[in-house]
């Protein structure tokens, strides 16, 4: 039995009791599932946080940009009193929009609002500071405008009103100082500036109203608020204004006198023309006539034609012959007794001549012109004789209106030829010959010369510039030859 028990023990399996670790290993599948679920929850939470952080960054950036744009828009806004209220309203509107956008995630909105409060506070301070600065500037400008308007109320002539205006200006400055819009130093300066401006305006009003009375009042010590340098300046302005007024009065008096003289002169000339000029009329108007006009009517009353001053008449005649209108100067010379009636009529007739006369006179004066650098008495005499002959020919025409410009210029050229001392034959000989001259120098064929020159241009023998030079030279030859040949034609009468 003992041996059998021994073998039983050896053959029986050796089974150990399960440990605690082993029991745990048996339960591991369920534990692993739970752990996995927990890990998934952690990962989901991290993903949610990352998404929230990204959304928060985007919301904050957009809100900051919009807020900055609104604040920038206030920089040009002058309604300083409502800027802060409008800023706060805009912040509320912005918060409402973000809250609506984050309804699904209230925690995101709270995080955004917490972060956004920092720039909101900072920009609110900027808005308040700018609004305060703008308010101060506006009030300072308003103060200056009010002081300017008050200062212009002075000068009414009522001293009590001027004192009241000054007191109101001082009160406005005091209020601005108390409110902090201006410093005590600025207030002191503005008081001085306002008193000076008000006193200057009062003086200006008086000066414009009556310069003479203002000058007297200033000399008597009135306008005591004026500074010493302002008083000197206003004294000069008053003196200049008085002088200007007197000068204008003299000008107006001279103008009125001239109008009276002209009117009386016209009446007197009408009386002379009708033969009704009388000594009584002359005595009645003596005070309104200049000495020259009075002597003029005296001569007319006596039938005295007067004498002509040769120098004055020669000057007027020369100017009239050159085409100038000397009728006014000639009449004045006649009134002054320096030319006779007949000479006045002649000069007036020349000035009123048709255009052909003036054109011919200009041609003669230009052709026989005397050099200013080397005056020749003989040449001057020739010019004077030619102008006199031209005038005599023009006066000899029974009906000047029938004279054509061509006929008048023909006569003027004849006078120039007759009075010219130029030897046209020798003048041609002294000219440079055209390159393609045809005929002799003393008998050139200028038409053929022109044709030859043109052919040379076509062949390319000369350039266009050389052709222009040759054409100008041929033109000079033609003018000289025509003038030479014209001397053979007798002067037209």
Foldseek 3Di string as FASTA:
>chain_A
DVVVVVVVVVPDDDDDDDDPVRVVVVVPVVVVVVVVVVVVVVVVVVVVVVVLVVVLVVLLVVVLVVLVVLLVVCLPPLPLVCQLVVSVVVVVVSLVVVCVVCVVPVVSSVVNVVVNVVVSVVSSVVSNVSSVVSVLVVLVVVLVVLLLVLLLPAQPPDVVSLVVSLVVNLVSLVVCCVVPSDDPVVSVVSNLVSLQSSLLNNLVSVCVVPLVVSLVCLVVCPSVSHDPVVSVVSNVVSVVVVVVVVVVVVVVVVVVLVVLQVVLLVVLVVCLVVVNDDPVSLVVCVVSHDPLQSVLSVCSVVVNQAAADVVVLLVLLLCLLLQDQCLVVLVSCSSNRHHGPVSSVLSNCSNPADPLRNVLSNVLCVLLPADPVDGDVLSVVLSSVLSVVSSVVCVPDPDSVPDDSVNSNLLSLLSSLVSDPDPLQVVQVPADDQPQWDDDSSDTDLVVSLVVLVVCVVVVVDDPVSSVVSVVSSVVNVVSVVSNVCVVPDRDD
